[in-house]
PDB file of N, CA and C in Angstrom:
ATOM      1  N   MET A   1     -19.922 -52.524  20.731  1.00  0.00           N
ATOM      2  CA  MET A   1     -19.722 -53.580  21.705  1.00  0.00           C
ATOM      3  C   MET A   1     -18.665 -54.540  21.174  1.00  0.00           C
ATOM      4  N   SER A   2     -17.728 -54.899  22.031  1.00  0.00           N
ATOM      5  CA  SER A   2     -16.616 -55.747  21.646  1.00  0.00           C
ATOM      6  C   SER A   2     -17.019 -57.217  21.612  1.00  0.00           C
ATOM      7  N   ASN A   3     -16.431 -57.963  20.712  1.00  0.00           N
ATOM      8  CA  ASN A   3     -16.699 -59.388  20.588  1.00  0.00           C
ATOM      9  C   ASN A   3     -15.793 -60.158  21.539  1.00  0.00           C
ATOM     10  N   ALA A   4     -16.370 -61.007  22.426  1.00  0.00           N
ATOM     11  CA  ALA A   4     -15.594 -61.765  23.406  1.00  0.00           C
ATOM     12  C   ALA A   4     -14.567 -62.663  22.737  1.00  0.00           C
ATOM     13  N   LEU A   5     -14.848 -63.124  21.524  1.00  0.00           N
ATOM     14  CA  LEU A   5     -13.917 -64.017  20.854  1.00  0.00           C
ATOM     15  C   LEU A   5     -12.635 -63.315  20.425  1.00  0.00           C
ATOM     16  N   GLU A   6     -12.601 -62.012  20.458  1.00  0.00           N
ATOM     17  CA  GLU A   6     -11.385 -61.268  20.153  1.00  0.00           C
ATOM     18  C   GLU A   6     -10.569 -60.996  21.410  1.00  0.00           C
ATOM     19  N   ASN A   7     -11.122 -61.237  22.592  1.00  0.00           N
ATOM     20  CA  ASN A   7     -10.507 -60.782  23.829  1.00  0.00           C
ATOM     21  C   ASN A   7     -10.250 -61.882  24.841  1.00  0.00           C
ATOM     22  N   PHE A   8     -10.228 -63.118  24.406  1.00  0.00           N
ATOM     23  CA  PHE A   8      -9.985 -64.217  25.331  1.00  0.00           C
ATOM     24  C   PHE A   8      -8.495 -64.551  25.354  1.00  0.00           C
ATOM     25  N   THR A   9      -8.089 -65.401  26.301  1.00  0.00           N
ATOM     26  CA  THR A   9      -6.699 -65.840  26.365  1.00  0.00           C
ATOM     27  C   THR A   9      -6.649 -67.352  26.521  1.00  0.00           C
ATOM     28  N   ILE A  10      -5.597 -67.954  25.992  1.00  0.00           N
ATOM     29  CA  ILE A  10      -5.418 -69.404  26.026  1.00  0.00           C
ATOM     30  C   ILE A  10      -4.155 -69.727  26.813  1.00  0.00           C
ATOM     31  N   VAL A  11      -4.248 -70.737  27.689  1.00  0.00           N
ATOM     32  CA  VAL A  11      -3.115 -71.171  28.499  1.00  0.00           C
ATOM     33  C   VAL A  11      -2.846 -72.638  28.186  1.00  0.00           C
ATOM     34  N   ASP A  12      -1.691 -72.942  27.625  1.00  0.00           N
ATOM     35  CA  ASP A  12      -1.328 -74.325  27.302  1.00  0.00           C
ATOM     36  C   ASP A  12      -0.704 -74.970  28.535  1.00  0.00           C
ATOM     37  N   GLU A  13      -1.319 -76.059  29.007  1.00  0.00           N
ATOM     38  CA  GLU A  13      -0.832 -76.760  30.198  1.00  0.00           C
ATOM     39  C   GLU A  13      -0.281 -78.143  29.862  1.00  0.00           C
ATOM     40  N   GLY A  14       0.122 -78.358  28.650  1.00  0.00           N
ATOM     41  CA  GLY A  14       0.652 -79.656  28.248  1.00  0.00           C
ATOM     42  C   GLY A  14      -0.447 -80.603  27.809  1.00  0.00           C
ATOM     43  N   SER A  15      -1.088 -81.269  28.771  1.00  0.00           N
ATOM     44  CA  SER A  15      -2.137 -82.238  28.429  1.00  0.00           C
ATOM     45  C   SER A  15      -3.505 -81.589  28.257  1.00  0.00           C
ATOM     46  N   SER A  16      -3.593 -80.309  28.572  1.00  0.00           N
ATOM     47  CA  SER A  16      -4.867 -79.600  28.408  1.00  0.00           C
ATOM     48  C   SER A  16      -4.608 -78.132  28.089  1.00  0.00           C
ATOM     49  N   VAL A  17      -5.669 -77.470  27.700  1.00  0.00           N
ATOM     50  CA  VAL A  17      -5.627 -76.038  27.409  1.00  0.00           C
ATOM     51  C   VAL A  17      -6.726 -75.381  28.223  1.00  0.00           C
ATOM     52  N   ARG A  18      -6.384 -74.289  28.916  1.00  0.00           N
ATOM     53  CA  ARG A  18      -7.396 -73.506  29.627  1.00  0.00           C
ATOM     54  C   ARG A  18      -7.684 -72.255  28.816  1.00  0.00           C
ATOM     55  N   VAL A  19      -8.946 -71.862  28.816  1.00  0.00           N
ATOM     56  CA  VAL A  19      -9.363 -70.657  28.109  1.00  0.00           C
ATOM     57  C   VAL A  19     -10.078 -69.750  29.096  1.00  0.00           C
ATOM     58  N   ALA A  20      -9.664 -68.483  29.145  1.00  0.00           N
ATOM     59  CA  ALA A  20     -10.356 -67.470  29.936  1.00  0.00           C
ATOM     60  C   ALA A  20     -11.198 -66.667  28.957  1.00  0.00           C
ATOM     61  N   LEU A  21     -12.505 -66.774  29.092  1.00  0.00           N
ATOM     62  CA  LEU A  21     -13.437 -66.193  28.132  1.00  0.00           C
ATOM     63  C   LEU A  21     -14.313 -65.141  28.809  1.00  0.00           C
ATOM     64  N   PRO A  22     -14.190 -63.864  28.412  1.00  0.00           N
ATOM     65  CA  PRO A  22     -15.077 -62.843  28.970  1.00  0.00           C
ATOM     66  C   PRO A  22     -16.525 -63.105  28.568  1.00  0.00           C
ATOM     67  N   VAL A  23     -17.405 -63.081  29.567  1.00  0.00           N
ATOM     68  CA  VAL A  23     -18.842 -63.268  29.345  1.00  0.00           C
ATOM     69  C   VAL A  23     -19.541 -62.178  30.152  1.00  0.00           C
ATOM     70  N   GLY A  24     -19.877 -61.076  29.493  1.00  0.00           N
ATOM     71  CA  GLY A  24     -20.472 -59.949  30.214  1.00  0.00           C
ATOM     72  C   GLY A  24     -19.463 -59.358  31.181  1.00  0.00           C
ATOM     73  N   ASP A  25     -19.843 -59.260  32.467  1.00  0.00           N
ATOM     74  CA  ASP A  25     -18.922 -58.710  33.461  1.00  0.00           C
ATOM     75  C   ASP A  25     -18.195 -59.803  34.245  1.00  0.00           C
ATOM     76  N   ASP A  26     -18.235 -61.038  33.762  1.00  0.00           N
ATOM     77  CA  ASP A  26     -17.542 -62.173  34.378  1.00  0.00           C
ATOM     78  C   ASP A  26     -16.522 -62.753  33.407  1.00  0.00           C
ATOM     79  N   ILE A  27     -15.706 -63.670  33.930  1.00  0.00           N
ATOM     80  CA  ILE A  27     -14.761 -64.421  33.104  1.00  0.00           C
ATOM     81  C   ILE A  27     -14.978 -65.894  33.401  1.00  0.00           C
ATOM     82  N   ASP A  28     -15.221 -66.691  32.379  1.00  0.00           N
ATOM     83  CA  ASP A  28     -15.373 -68.135  32.549  1.00  0.00           C
ATOM     84  C   ASP A  28     -14.058 -68.821  32.211  1.00  0.00           C
ATOM     85  N   TRP A  29     -13.582 -69.685  33.139  1.00  0.00           N
ATOM     86  CA  TRP A  29     -12.416 -70.534  32.898  1.00  0.00           C
ATOM     87  C   TRP A  29     -12.936 -71.862  32.394  1.00  0.00           C
ATOM     88  N   ILE A  30     -12.450 -72.305  31.250  1.00  0.00           N
ATOM     89  CA  ILE A  30     -12.872 -73.569  30.647  1.00  0.00           C
ATOM     90  C   ILE A  30     -11.616 -74.370  30.308  1.00  0.00           C
ATOM     91  N   ARG A  31     -11.649 -75.689  30.554  1.00  0.00           N
ATOM     92  CA  ARG A  31     -10.500 -76.555  30.246  1.00  0.00           C
ATOM     93  C   ARG A  31     -10.871 -77.512  29.114  1.00  0.00           C
ATOM     94  N   PHE A  32      -9.994 -77.606  28.140  1.00  0.00           N
ATOM     95  CA  PHE A  32     -10.130 -78.548  27.035  1.00  0.00           C
ATOM     96  C   PHE A  32      -8.980 -79.543  27.142  1.00  0.00           C
ATOM     97  N   SER A  33      -9.302 -80.843  27.269  1.00  0.00           N
ATOM     98  CA  SER A  33      -8.237 -81.850  27.272  1.00  0.00           C
ATOM     99  C   SER A  33      -7.782 -82.058  25.840  1.00  0.00           C
ATOM    100  N   LYS A  34      -6.548 -82.432  25.674  1.00  0.00           N
ATOM    101  CA  LYS A  34      -6.044 -82.687  24.325  1.00  0.00           C
ATOM    102  C   LYS A  34      -5.257 -83.988  24.307  1.00  0.00           C
ATOM    103  N   GLY A  35      -5.864 -85.016  24.897  1.00  0.00           N
ATOM    104  CA  GLY A  35      -5.240 -86.334  24.947  1.00  0.00           C
ATOM    105  C   GLY A  35      -5.062 -86.916  23.559  1.00  0.00           C
ATOM    106  N   PHE A  36      -3.973 -87.613  23.360  1.00  0.00           N
ATOM    107  CA  PHE A  36      -3.654 -88.220  22.071  1.00  0.00           C
ATOM    108  C   PHE A  36      -4.592 -89.395  21.816  1.00  0.00           C
ATOM    109  N   ARG A  37      -5.260 -89.373  20.673  1.00  0.00           N
ATOM    110  CA  ARG A  37      -6.194 -90.432  20.254  1.00  0.00           C
ATOM    111  C   ARG A  37      -7.343 -90.635  21.234  1.00  0.00           C
ATOM    112  N   GLN A  38      -7.679 -89.627  21.950  1.00  0.00           N
ATOM    113  CA  GLN A  38      -8.826 -89.695  22.851  1.00  0.00           C
ATOM    114  C   GLN A  38      -9.815 -88.623  22.437  1.00  0.00           C
ATOM    115  N   GLU A  39     -11.051 -88.845  22.812  1.00  0.00           N
ATOM    116  CA  GLU A  39     -12.068 -87.843  22.544  1.00  0.00           C
ATOM    117  C   GLU A  39     -11.777 -86.609  23.399  1.00  0.00           C
ATOM    118  N   ALA A  40     -11.851 -85.453  22.793  1.00  0.00           N
ATOM    119  CA  ALA A  40     -11.616 -84.215  23.542  1.00  0.00           C
ATOM    120  C   ALA A  40     -12.644 -84.081  24.652  1.00  0.00           C
ATOM    121  N   HIS A  41     -12.193 -83.570  25.783  1.00  0.00           N
ATOM    122  CA  HIS A  41     -13.072 -83.399  26.933  1.00  0.00           C
ATOM    123  C   HIS A  41     -13.069 -81.925  27.322  1.00  0.00           C
ATOM    124  N   VAL A  42     -14.251 -81.351  27.485  1.00  0.00           N
ATOM    125  CA  VAL A  42     -14.394 -79.952  27.874  1.00  0.00           C
ATOM    126  C   VAL A  42     -14.989 -79.907  29.267  1.00  0.00           C
ATOM    127  N   SER A  43     -14.360 -79.128  30.159  1.00  0.00           N
ATOM    128  CA  SER A  43     -14.905 -78.995  31.512  1.00  0.00           C
ATOM    129  C   SER A  43     -14.878 -77.538  31.956  1.00  0.00           C
ATOM    130  N   PHE A  44     -15.913 -77.153  32.653  1.00  0.00           N
ATOM    131  CA  PHE A  44     -16.021 -75.811  33.215  1.00  0.00           C
ATOM    132  C   PHE A  44     -15.221 -75.793  34.512  1.00  0.00           C
ATOM    133  N   ILE A  45     -14.333 -74.824  34.687  1.00  0.00           N
ATOM    134  CA  ILE A  45     -13.518 -74.739  35.900  1.00  0.00           C
ATOM    135  C   ILE A  45     -14.168 -73.808  36.913  1.00  0.00           C
ATOM    136  N   SER A  46     -14.376 -72.553  36.527  1.00  0.00           N
ATOM    137  CA  SER A  46     -14.959 -71.585  37.461  1.00  0.00           C
ATOM    138  C   SER A  46     -15.346 -70.306  36.730  1.00  0.00           C
ATOM    139  N   THR A  47     -16.060 -69.458  37.450  1.00  0.00           N
ATOM    140  CA  THR A  47     -16.393 -68.121  36.968  1.00  0.00           C
ATOM    141  C   THR A  47     -15.726 -67.114  37.888  1.00  0.00           C
ATOM    142  N   LEU A  48     -15.015 -66.163  37.307  1.00  0.00           N
ATOM    143  CA  LEU A  48     -14.373 -65.098  38.072  1.00  0.00           C
ATOM    144  C   LEU A  48     -15.255 -63.860  37.977  1.00  0.00           C
ATOM    145  N   SER A  49     -15.642 -63.331  39.131  1.00  0.00           N
ATOM    146  CA  SER A  49     -16.544 -62.176  39.168  1.00  0.00           C
ATOM    147  C   SER A  49     -15.966 -61.093  40.061  1.00  0.00           C
ATOM    148  N   ALA A  50     -15.791 -59.906  39.527  1.00  0.00           N
ATOM    149  CA  ALA A  50     -15.382 -58.745  40.321  1.00  0.00           C
ATOM    150  C   ALA A  50     -15.537 -57.449  39.540  1.00  0.00           C
ATOM    151  N   HIS A  51     -15.573 -57.539  38.211  1.00  0.00           N
ATOM    152  CA  HIS A  51     -15.744 -56.323  37.419  1.00  0.00           C
ATOM    153  C   HIS A  51     -17.160 -55.788  37.587  1.00  0.00           C
ATOM    154  N   LEU A  52     -17.294 -54.481  37.495  1.00  0.00           N
ATOM    155  CA  LEU A  52     -18.592 -53.829  37.661  1.00  0.00           C
ATOM    156  C   LEU A  52     -19.322 -53.652  36.340  1.00  0.00           C
ATOM    157  N   SER A  53     -18.624 -53.855  35.237  1.00  0.00           N
ATOM    158  CA  SER A  53     -19.258 -53.828  33.919  1.00  0.00           C
ATOM    159  C   SER A  53     -18.460 -54.736  32.986  1.00  0.00           C
ATOM    160  N   ARG A  54     -18.788 -54.729  31.717  1.00  0.00           N
ATOM    161  CA  ARG A  54     -18.273 -55.669  30.726  1.00  0.00           C
ATOM    162  C   ARG A  54     -16.747 -55.818  30.775  1.00  0.00           C
ATOM    163  N   VAL A  55     -16.274 -57.065  30.710  1.00  0.00           N
ATOM    164  CA  VAL A  55     -14.842 -57.356  30.616  1.00  0.00           C
ATOM    165  C   VAL A  55     -14.428 -57.183  29.159  1.00  0.00           C
ATOM    166  N   ASN A  56     -13.425 -56.342  28.932  1.00  0.00           N
ATOM    167  CA  ASN A  56     -12.972 -56.052  27.570  1.00  0.00           C
ATOM    168  C   ASN A  56     -11.879 -56.988  27.082  1.00  0.00           C
ATOM    169  N   ALA A  57     -11.014 -57.453  27.985  1.00  0.00           N
ATOM    170  CA  ALA A  57      -9.882 -58.280  27.558  1.00  0.00           C
ATOM    171  C   ALA A  57      -9.321 -59.078  28.720  1.00  0.00           C
ATOM    172  N   CYS A  58      -8.706 -60.212  28.385  1.00  0.00           N
ATOM    173  CA  CYS A  58      -8.011 -61.061  29.355  1.00  0.00           C
ATOM    174  C   CYS A  58      -6.632 -61.388  28.797  1.00  0.00           C
ATOM    175  N   VAL A  59      -5.631 -61.399  29.668  1.00  0.00           N
ATOM    176  CA  VAL A  59      -4.276 -61.779  29.286  1.00  0.00           C
ATOM    177  C   VAL A  59      -3.704 -62.636  30.404  1.00  0.00           C
ATOM    178  N   TYR A  60      -3.103 -63.779  30.047  1.00  0.00           N
ATOM    179  CA  TYR A  60      -2.481 -64.667  31.028  1.00  0.00           C
ATOM    180  C   TYR A  60      -0.983 -64.432  31.013  1.00  0.00           C
ATOM    181  N   ARG A  61      -0.406 -64.301  32.192  1.00  0.00           N
ATOM    182  CA  ARG A  61       1.039 -64.084  32.317  1.00  0.00           C
ATOM    183  C   ARG A  61       1.711 -65.437  32.523  1.00  0.00           C
ATOM    184  N   ASN A  62       2.384 -65.922  31.495  1.00  0.00           N
ATOM    185  CA  ASN A  62       3.031 -67.236  31.554  1.00  0.00           C
ATOM    186  C   ASN A  62       4.063 -67.290  32.673  1.00  0.00           C
ATOM    187  N   GLY A  63       4.116 -68.417  33.353  1.00  0.00           N
ATOM    188  CA  GLY A  63       5.093 -68.623  34.410  1.00  0.00           C
ATOM    189  C   GLY A  63       4.689 -68.085  35.763  1.00  0.00           C
ATOM    190  N   SER A  64       3.620 -67.331  35.839  1.00  0.00           N
ATOM    191  CA  SER A  64       3.223 -66.732  37.120  1.00  0.00           C
ATOM    192  C   SER A  64       1.856 -67.191  37.602  1.00  0.00           C
ATOM    193  N   GLN A  65       1.105 -67.870  36.767  1.00  0.00           N
ATOM    194  CA  GLN A  65      -0.265 -68.282  37.069  1.00  0.00           C
ATOM    195  C   GLN A  65      -1.150 -67.077  37.394  1.00  0.00           C
ATOM    196  N   GLN A  66      -0.909 -65.957  36.727  1.00  0.00           N
ATOM    197  CA  GLN A  66      -1.708 -64.755  36.932  1.00  0.00           C
ATOM    198  C   GLN A  66      -2.479 -64.419  35.659  1.00  0.00           C
ATOM    199  N   LEU A  67      -3.750 -64.104  35.850  1.00  0.00           N
ATOM    200  CA  LEU A  67      -4.610 -63.669  34.759  1.00  0.00           C
ATOM    201  C   LEU A  67      -4.950 -62.210  35.011  1.00  0.00           C
ATOM    202  N   TYR A  68      -4.791 -61.374  34.005  1.00  0.00           N
ATOM    203  CA  TYR A  68      -5.155 -59.962  34.113  1.00  0.00           C
ATOM    204  C   TYR A  68      -6.380 -59.721  33.248  1.00  0.00           C
ATOM    205  N   SER A  69      -7.315 -58.940  33.773  1.00  0.00           N
ATOM    206  CA  SER A  69      -8.512 -58.602  33.003  1.00  0.00           C
ATOM    207  C   SER A  69      -8.736 -57.097  33.065  1.00  0.00           C
ATOM    208  N   ALA A  70      -9.223 -56.557  31.958  1.00  0.00           N
ATOM    209  CA  ALA A  70      -9.535 -55.133  31.867  1.00  0.00           C
ATOM    210  C   ALA A  70     -11.006 -55.002  31.529  1.00  0.00           C
ATOM    211  N   GLY A  71     -11.689 -54.123  32.255  1.00  0.00           N
ATOM    212  CA  GLY A  71     -13.118 -53.979  32.049  1.00  0.00           C
ATOM    213  C   GLY A  71     -13.528 -52.576  31.657  1.00  0.00           C
ATOM    214  N   ALA A  72     -14.758 -52.461  31.194  1.00  0.00           N
ATOM    215  CA  ALA A  72     -15.326 -51.160  30.855  1.00  0.00           C
ATOM    216  C   ALA A  72     -15.507 -50.310  32.111  1.00  0.00           C
ATOM    217  N   ASP A  73     -15.360 -50.927  33.289  1.00  0.00           N
ATOM    218  CA  ASP A  73     -15.435 -50.190  34.551  1.00  0.00           C
ATOM    219  C   ASP A  73     -14.125 -49.463  34.859  1.00  0.00           C
ATOM    220  N   ARG A  74     -13.175 -49.511  33.918  1.00  0.00           N
ATOM    221  CA  ARG A  74     -11.865 -48.866  34.017  1.00  0.00           C
ATOM    222  C   ARG A  74     -10.960 -49.505  35.066  1.00  0.00           C
ATOM    223  N   ASN A  75     -11.214 -50.757  35.400  1.00  0.00           N
ATOM    224  CA  ASN A  75     -10.373 -51.492  36.336  1.00  0.00           C
ATOM    225  C   ASN A  75      -9.572 -52.546  35.598  1.00  0.00           C
ATOM    226  N   VAL A  76      -8.329 -52.717  36.010  1.00  0.00           N
ATOM    227  CA  VAL A  76      -7.503 -53.833  35.569  1.00  0.00           C
ATOM    228  C   VAL A  76      -7.293 -54.693  36.805  1.00  0.00           C
ATOM    229  N   LEU A  77      -7.739 -55.944  36.742  1.00  0.00           N
ATOM    230  CA  LEU A  77      -7.670 -56.840  37.891  1.00  0.00           C
ATOM    231  C   LEU A  77      -6.652 -57.941  37.647  1.00  0.00           C
ATOM    232  N   CYS A  78      -5.977 -58.340  38.717  1.00  0.00           N
ATOM    233  CA  CYS A  78      -5.038 -59.455  38.673  1.00  0.00           C
ATOM    234  C   CYS A  78      -5.668 -60.613  39.429  1.00  0.00           C
ATOM    235  N   TRP A  79      -5.826 -61.736  38.751  1.00  0.00           N
ATOM    236  CA  TRP A  79      -6.375 -62.955  39.340  1.00  0.00           C
ATOM    237  C   TRP A  79      -5.208 -63.902  39.546  1.00  0.00           C
ATOM    238  N   ALA A  80      -5.048 -64.402  40.766  1.00  0.00           N
ATOM    239  CA  ALA A  80      -3.917 -65.275  41.083  1.00  0.00           C
ATOM    240  C   ALA A  80      -4.374 -66.394  42.001  1.00  0.00           C
ATOM    241  N   PRO A  81      -3.601 -67.492  42.052  1.00  0.00           N
ATOM    242  CA  PRO A  81      -3.940 -68.562  42.986  1.00  0.00           C
ATOM    243  C   PRO A  81      -3.917 -68.047  44.423  1.00  0.00           C
ATOM    244  N   GLN A  82      -4.669 -68.675  45.283  1.00  0.00           N
ATOM    245  CA  GLN A  82      -4.798 -68.243  46.679  1.00  0.00           C
ATOM    246  C   GLN A  82      -3.438 -68.056  47.350  1.00  0.00           C
ATOM    247  N   ASN A  83      -2.500 -68.980  47.140  1.00  0.00           N
ATOM    248  CA  ASN A  83      -1.203 -68.896  47.811  1.00  0.00           C
ATOM    249  C   ASN A  83      -0.352 -67.729  47.310  1.00  0.00           C
ATOM    250  N   ASP A  84      -0.672 -67.158  46.178  1.00  0.00           N
ATOM    251  CA  ASP A  84       0.082 -66.042  45.614  1.00  0.00           C
ATOM    252  C   ASP A  84      -0.534 -64.692  45.977  1.00  0.00           C
ATOM    253  N   ARG A  85      -1.765 -64.681  46.433  1.00  0.00           N
ATOM    254  CA  ARG A  85      -2.474 -63.421  46.683  1.00  0.00           C
ATOM    255  C   ARG A  85      -1.856 -62.606  47.808  1.00  0.00           C
ATOM    256  N   ARG A  86      -1.405 -63.257  48.882  1.00  0.00           N
ATOM    257  CA  ARG A  86      -0.809 -62.523  50.004  1.00  0.00           C
ATOM    258  C   ARG A  86       0.450 -61.788  49.545  1.00  0.00           C
ATOM    259  N   ARG A  87       1.309 -62.465  48.775  1.00  0.00           N
ATOM    260  CA  ARG A  87       2.524 -61.832  48.277  1.00  0.00           C
ATOM    261  C   ARG A  87       2.184 -60.636  47.384  1.00  0.00           C
ATOM    262  N   LEU A  88       1.210 -60.797  46.503  1.00  0.00           N
ATOM    263  CA  LEU A  88       0.808 -59.696  45.620  1.00  0.00           C
ATOM    264  C   LEU A  88       0.252 -58.528  46.416  1.00  0.00           C
ATOM    265  N   HIS A  89      -0.523 -58.822  47.461  1.00  0.00           N
ATOM    266  CA  HIS A  89      -1.090 -57.765  48.302  1.00  0.00           C
ATOM    267  C   HIS A  89       0.030 -56.997  49.008  1.00  0.00           C
ATOM    268  N   LEU A  90       1.016 -57.704  49.549  1.00  0.00           N
ATOM    269  CA  LEU A  90       2.131 -57.051  50.233  1.00  0.00           C
ATOM    270  C   LEU A  90       2.934 -56.187  49.271  1.00  0.00           C
ATOM    271  N   GLU A  91       3.157 -56.671  48.047  1.00  0.00           N
ATOM    272  CA  GLU A  91       3.879 -55.876  47.053  1.00  0.00           C
ATOM    273  C   GLU A  91       3.100 -54.618  46.688  1.00  0.00           C
ATOM    274  N   ALA A  92       1.783 -54.736  46.561  1.00  0.00           N
ATOM    275  CA  ALA A  92       0.949 -53.575  46.229  1.00  0.00           C
ATOM    276  C   ALA A  92       0.987 -52.553  47.360  1.00  0.00           C
ATOM    277  N   GLU A  93       0.914 -53.010  48.609  1.00  0.00           N
ATOM    278  CA  GLU A  93       0.972 -52.097  49.757  1.00  0.00           C
ATOM    279  C   GLU A  93       2.320 -51.400  49.811  1.00  0.00           C
ATOM    280  N   SER A  94       3.393 -52.122  49.539  1.00  0.00           N
ATOM    281  CA  SER A  94       4.731 -51.542  49.537  1.00  0.00           C
ATOM    282  C   SER A  94       4.845 -50.463  48.466  1.00  0.00           C
ATOM    283  N   THR A  95       4.281 -50.716  47.295  1.00  0.00           N
ATOM    284  CA  THR A  95       4.298 -49.735  46.209  1.00  0.00           C
ATOM    285  C   THR A  95       3.513 -48.493  46.591  1.00  0.00           C
ATOM    286  N   LYS A  96       2.340 -48.673  47.211  1.00  0.00           N
ATOM    287  CA  LYS A  96       1.530 -47.525  47.642  1.00  0.00           C
ATOM    288  C   LYS A  96       2.303 -46.667  48.628  1.00  0.00           C
ATOM    289  N   LYS A  97       2.966 -47.297  49.608  1.00  0.00           N
ATOM    290  CA  LYS A  97       3.730 -46.547  50.610  1.00  0.00           C
ATOM    291  C   LYS A  97       4.858 -45.780  49.954  1.00  0.00           C
ATOM    292  N   SER A  98       5.508 -46.383  48.978  1.00  0.00           N
ATOM    293  CA  SER A  98       6.599 -45.727  48.278  1.00  0.00           C
ATOM    294  C   SER A  98       6.096 -44.497  47.526  1.00  0.00           C
ATOM    295  N   ILE A  99       4.953 -44.619  46.889  1.00  0.00           N
ATOM    296  CA  ILE A  99       4.385 -43.495  46.134  1.00  0.00           C
ATOM    297  C   ILE A  99       3.988 -42.365  47.073  1.00  0.00           C
ATOM    298  N   VAL A 100       3.394 -42.699  48.212  1.00  0.00           N
ATOM    299  CA  VAL A 100       2.927 -41.685  49.164  1.00  0.00           C
ATOM    300  C   VAL A 100       4.094 -40.966  49.816  1.00  0.00           C
ATOM    301  N   THR A 101       5.167 -41.685  50.145  1.00  0.00           N
ATOM    302  CA  THR A 101       6.284 -41.072  50.861  1.00  0.00           C
ATOM    303  C   THR A 101       7.322 -40.454  49.937  1.00  0.00           C
ATOM    304  N   ASN A 102       7.217 -40.677  48.650  1.00  0.00           N
ATOM    305  CA  ASN A 102       8.171 -40.135  47.701  1.00  0.00           C
ATOM    306  C   ASN A 102       7.941 -38.636  47.543  1.00  0.00           C
ATOM    307  N   ASP A 103       8.981 -37.835  47.779  1.00  0.00           N
ATOM    308  CA  ASP A 103       8.879 -36.376  47.698  1.00  0.00           C
ATOM    309  C   ASP A 103       9.262 -35.924  46.295  1.00  0.00           C
ATOM    310  N   GLU A 104       8.279 -35.465  45.543  1.00  0.00           N
ATOM    311  CA  GLU A 104       8.531 -35.022  44.173  1.00  0.00           C
ATOM    312  C   GLU A 104       8.413 -33.501  44.040  1.00  0.00           C
ATOM    313  N   TRP A 105       8.272 -32.806  45.136  1.00  0.00           N
ATOM    314  CA  TRP A 105       8.132 -31.354  45.099  1.00  0.00           C
ATOM    315  C   TRP A 105       9.503 -30.701  44.981  1.00  0.00           C
ATOM    316  N   SER A 106       9.562 -29.605  44.293  1.00  0.00           N
ATOM    317  CA  SER A 106      10.803 -28.839  44.244  1.00  0.00           C
ATOM    318  C   SER A 106      10.612 -27.575  45.066  1.00  0.00           C
ATOM    319  N   ASP A 107      11.709 -26.962  45.446  1.00  0.00           N
ATOM    320  CA  ASP A 107      11.641 -25.724  46.228  1.00  0.00           C
ATOM    321  C   ASP A 107      11.067 -24.574  45.408  1.00  0.00           C
ATOM    322  N   ASP A 108      11.087 -24.703  44.089  1.00  0.00           N
ATOM    323  CA  ASP A 108      10.586 -23.648  43.212  1.00  0.00           C
ATOM    324  C   ASP A 108       9.070 -23.620  43.127  1.00  0.00           C
ATOM    325  N   ASP A 109       8.385 -24.699  43.546  1.00  0.00           N
ATOM    326  CA  ASP A 109       6.918 -24.768  43.421  1.00  0.00           C
ATOM    327  C   ASP A 109       6.219 -24.013  44.515  1.00  0.00           C
TER     328      ASP A 109
END
């Protein structure tokens, strides 16, 4: 069994740090403030749930606000802000259509 502390990701947001921490088949988003000369503040942001079994790893893609997670269910999921999801869905559909319509057969087969 993998240790969650080896598979988390950290996102530096300037005045705070977000951590995506695998917890079983979910991912907990936690924010740590890092104010100068202030007491550190920890706040729970949300729980991301969609994997069918244990989350093995999380990776944050800088500049895109996308979090990728890989689970023991053999799924790699992309987590994105609501306003970015439609664009990602359209790109995925376009890729699927390209794969389906692409002719890779040769006359020799």
